[in-house]
C-alpha atoms as a PDB file:
ATOM      1  CA  MET A   1      94.944  73.394  61.324  1.00  0.00           C
ATOM      2  CA  ASN A   2      97.099  72.267  58.454  1.00  0.00           C
ATOM      3  CA  THR A   3      95.958  68.940  56.974  1.00  0.00           C
ATOM      4  CA  ASP A   4      98.757  68.763  54.372  1.00  0.00           C
ATOM      5  CA  LEU A   5     101.420  67.136  56.556  1.00  0.00           C
ATOM      6  CA  THR A   6     104.263  65.080  55.237  1.00  0.00           C
ATOM      7  CA  GLU A   7     104.938  61.593  56.485  1.00  0.00           C
ATOM      8  CA  GLU A   8     107.956  62.795  58.482  1.00  0.00           C
ATOM      9  CA  GLU A   9     105.922  65.543  60.180  1.00  0.00           C
ATOM     10  CA  MET A  10     103.223  63.014  61.123  1.00  0.00           C
ATOM     11  CA  ARG A  11     105.829  60.663  62.593  1.00  0.00           C
ATOM     12  CA  ARG A  12     107.315  63.506  64.642  1.00  0.00           C
ATOM     13  CA  ALA A  13     103.860  64.511  65.867  1.00  0.00           C
ATOM     14  CA  LEU A  14     102.943  60.964  66.885  1.00  0.00           C
ATOM     15  CA  PHE A  15     106.218  59.568  68.163  1.00  0.00           C
ATOM     16  CA  GLY A  16     108.326  62.626  68.918  1.00  0.00           C
ATOM     17  CA  SER A  17     111.619  63.587  67.379  1.00  0.00           C
ATOM     18  CA  PRO A  18     114.181  60.838  66.731  1.00  0.00           C
ATOM     19  CA  ALA A  19     116.967  62.845  68.386  1.00  0.00           C
ATOM     20  CA  PRO A  20     117.312  62.328  72.157  1.00  0.00           C
ATOM     21  CA  ALA A  21     116.262  65.214  74.349  1.00  0.00           C
ATOM     22  CA  PRO A  22     119.137  67.429  75.491  1.00  0.00           C
ATOM     23  CA  LYS A  23     120.268  66.737  79.039  1.00  0.00           C
ATOM     24  CA  VAL A  24     119.946  69.581  81.479  1.00  0.00           C
ATOM     25  CA  THR A  25     122.425  69.647  84.317  1.00  0.00           C
ATOM     26  CA  ALA A  26     121.704  71.571  87.458  1.00  0.00           C
ATOM     27  CA  LEU A  27     124.392  73.924  88.630  1.00  0.00           C
ATOM     28  CA  ALA A  28     125.486  73.400  92.187  1.00  0.00           C
ATOM     29  CA  SER A  29     124.990  76.735  93.835  1.00  0.00           C
ATOM     30  CA  SER A  30     126.304  77.699  97.208  1.00  0.00           C
ATOM     31  CA  THR A  31     123.320  79.942  97.911  1.00  0.00           C
ATOM     32  CA  SER A  32     121.180  78.927 100.833  1.00  0.00           C
ATOM     33  CA  ILE A  33     117.478  78.222 100.487  1.00  0.00           C
ATOM     34  CA  PRO A  34     115.401  80.889 102.205  1.00  0.00           C
ATOM     35  CA  ASP A  35     113.230  79.819 105.127  1.00  0.00           C
ATOM     36  CA  VAL A  36     109.637  79.237 104.113  1.00  0.00           C
ATOM     37  CA  ALA A  37     106.849  80.235 106.469  1.00  0.00           C
ATOM     38  CA  ARG A  38     104.536  77.431 107.442  1.00  0.00           C
ATOM     39  CA  ALA A  39     101.093  77.642 105.849  1.00  0.00           C
ATOM     40  CA  GLN A  40      98.048  77.780 108.049  1.00  0.00           C
ATOM     41  CA  ALA A  41      96.066  74.580 108.345  1.00  0.00           C
ATOM     42  CA  VAL A  42      92.978  74.511 106.179  1.00  0.00           C
ATOM     43  CA  LYS A  43      89.765  73.597 107.955  1.00  0.00           C
ATOM     44  CA  PRO A  44      87.999  70.670 106.336  1.00  0.00           C
ATOM     45  CA  GLN A  45      84.863  71.767 104.577  1.00  0.00           C
ATOM     46  CA  PRO A  46      81.643  70.037 105.583  1.00  0.00           C
ATOM     47  CA  LYS A  47      80.631  67.409 103.060  1.00  0.00           C
ATOM     48  CA  LYS A  48      77.629  68.214 100.953  1.00  0.00           C
ATOM     49  CA  LYS A  49      74.824  65.730 101.173  1.00  0.00           C
ATOM     50  CA  SER A  50      74.338  64.199  97.780  1.00  0.00           C
ATOM     51  CA  THR A  51      70.871  63.573  96.528  1.00  0.00           C
ATOM     52  CA  LYS A  52      69.878  59.970  96.312  1.00  0.00           C
ATOM     53  CA  ALA A  53      70.102  58.564  92.845  1.00  0.00           C
ATOM     54  CA  TYR A  54      67.018  57.041  91.306  1.00  0.00           C
ATOM     55  CA  THR A  55      66.777  53.376  92.155  1.00  0.00           C
ATOM     56  CA  PRO A  56      64.602  51.234  89.956  1.00  0.00           C
ATOM     57  CA  ARG A  57      61.796  49.599  91.894  1.00  0.00           C
ATOM     58  CA  LEU A  58      59.194  47.005  91.085  1.00  0.00           C
ATOM     59  CA  ARG A  59      55.986  46.378  93.022  1.00  0.00           C
ATOM     60  CA  VAL A  60      54.949  42.737  93.269  1.00  0.00           C
ATOM     61  CA  THR A  61      51.341  42.041  94.240  1.00  0.00           C
ATOM     62  CA  MET A  62      50.524  38.565  95.599  1.00  0.00           C
ATOM     63  CA  GLN A  63      47.640  36.659  97.113  1.00  0.00           C
ATOM     64  CA  VAL A  64      48.725  34.612 100.119  1.00  0.00           C
ATOM     65  CA  THR A  65      47.022  32.152 102.462  1.00  0.00           C
ATOM     66  CA  ASN A  66      47.780  29.316 104.847  1.00  0.00           C
ATOM     67  CA  GLU A  67      44.651  27.308 103.923  1.00  0.00           C
ATOM     68  CA  PHE A  68      44.023  25.715 100.540  1.00  0.00           C
ATOM     69  CA  GLU A  69      41.102  27.605  98.924  1.00  0.00           C
ATOM     70  CA  GLY A  70      40.681  29.533 102.157  1.00  0.00           C
ATOM     71  CA  LYS A  71      40.547  33.234 102.819  1.00  0.00           C
ATOM     72  CA  THR A  72      43.309  35.014 100.861  1.00  0.00           C
ATOM     73  CA  TYR A  73      45.177  38.175 101.738  1.00  0.00           C
ATOM     74  CA  GLU A  74      46.771  40.600  99.346  1.00  0.00           C
ATOM     75  CA  LEU A  75      50.451  41.219 100.005  1.00  0.00           C
ATOM     76  CA  ILE A  76      52.602  43.876  98.297  1.00  0.00           C
ATOM     77  CA  HIS A  77      56.379  43.621  98.095  1.00  0.00           C
ATOM     78  CA  GLU A  78      58.700  46.305  96.662  1.00  0.00           C
ATOM     79  CA  ALA A  79      61.945  45.100  95.086  1.00  0.00           C
ATOM     80  CA  ASP A  80      64.963  47.256  94.164  1.00  0.00           C
ATOM     81  CA  THR A  81      65.710  45.737  90.787  1.00  0.00           C
ATOM     82  CA  LEU A  82      64.804  46.034  87.124  1.00  0.00           C
ATOM     83  CA  SER A  83      64.418  42.312  86.607  1.00  0.00           C
ATOM     84  CA  THR A  84      60.821  41.175  86.996  1.00  0.00           C
ATOM     85  CA  LEU A  85      61.946  37.577  87.485  1.00  0.00           C
ATOM     86  CA  LEU A  86      64.273  38.504  90.364  1.00  0.00           C
ATOM     87  CA  ALA A  87      61.612  40.709  91.929  1.00  0.00           C
ATOM     88  CA  GLU A  88      59.062  37.900  91.734  1.00  0.00           C
ATOM     89  CA  GLN A  89      61.470  35.341  93.208  1.00  0.00           C
ATOM     90  CA  GLU A  90      62.439  37.695  96.030  1.00  0.00           C
ATOM     91  CA  ALA A  91      58.780  38.409  96.871  1.00  0.00           C
ATOM     92  CA  VAL A  92      57.775  34.734  96.839  1.00  0.00           C
ATOM     93  CA  LYS A  93      60.750  33.815  99.024  1.00  0.00           C
ATOM     94  CA  MET A  94      59.771  36.503 101.543  1.00  0.00           C
ATOM     95  CA  ALA A  95      56.089  35.446 101.527  1.00  0.00           C
ATOM     96  CA  LYS A  96      56.887  31.718 101.922  1.00  0.00           C
ATOM     97  CA  LYS A  97      58.431  32.454 105.313  1.00  0.00           C
ATOM     98  CA  LYS A  98      54.982  33.231 106.728  1.00  0.00           C
ATOM     99  CA  TYR A  99      52.415  31.793 104.291  1.00  0.00           C
ATOM    100  CA  ARG A 100      52.024  28.350 102.736  1.00  0.00           C
ATOM    101  CA  TYR A 101      50.297  29.236  99.464  1.00  0.00           C
ATOM    102  CA  VAL A 102      51.503  32.172  97.360  1.00  0.00           C
ATOM    103  CA  LYS A 103      50.091  33.325  94.019  1.00  0.00           C
ATOM    104  CA  VAL A 104      51.715  36.227  92.148  1.00  0.00           C
ATOM    105  CA  ILE A 105      49.122  38.582  90.696  1.00  0.00           C
ATOM    106  CA  SER A 106      51.235  41.311  89.058  1.00  0.00           C
ATOM    107  CA  VAL A 107      54.702  42.818  88.791  1.00  0.00           C
ATOM    108  CA  LYS A 108      54.664  46.521  87.939  1.00  0.00           C
ATOM    109  CA  SER A 109      57.326  49.225  87.878  1.00  0.00           C
ATOM    110  CA  MET A 110      56.905  52.153  90.231  1.00  0.00           C
END
């Protein structure tokens, strides 16, 4: 590759030549177009099953109960997100539907 180009050569390379392109006129011919045989229909190929992409998941562990200072149960919720705050909020929202008191113990990635 030649790196010693003049300014005019660089302009032509970037922007094309300043002269308009020559016009090409098609000649009207009286020859007929030959008949073209119809191509056979192509059968659609079965789609390949793509492998599932890795989805980030977080495991939220909580202690839940309906009685204050009563017997607690451990509840595990898996969230499909990278944000620990969103995973925690989603888990607490889900647990509040059934339990009155919810305490988040840990949020770990899987």
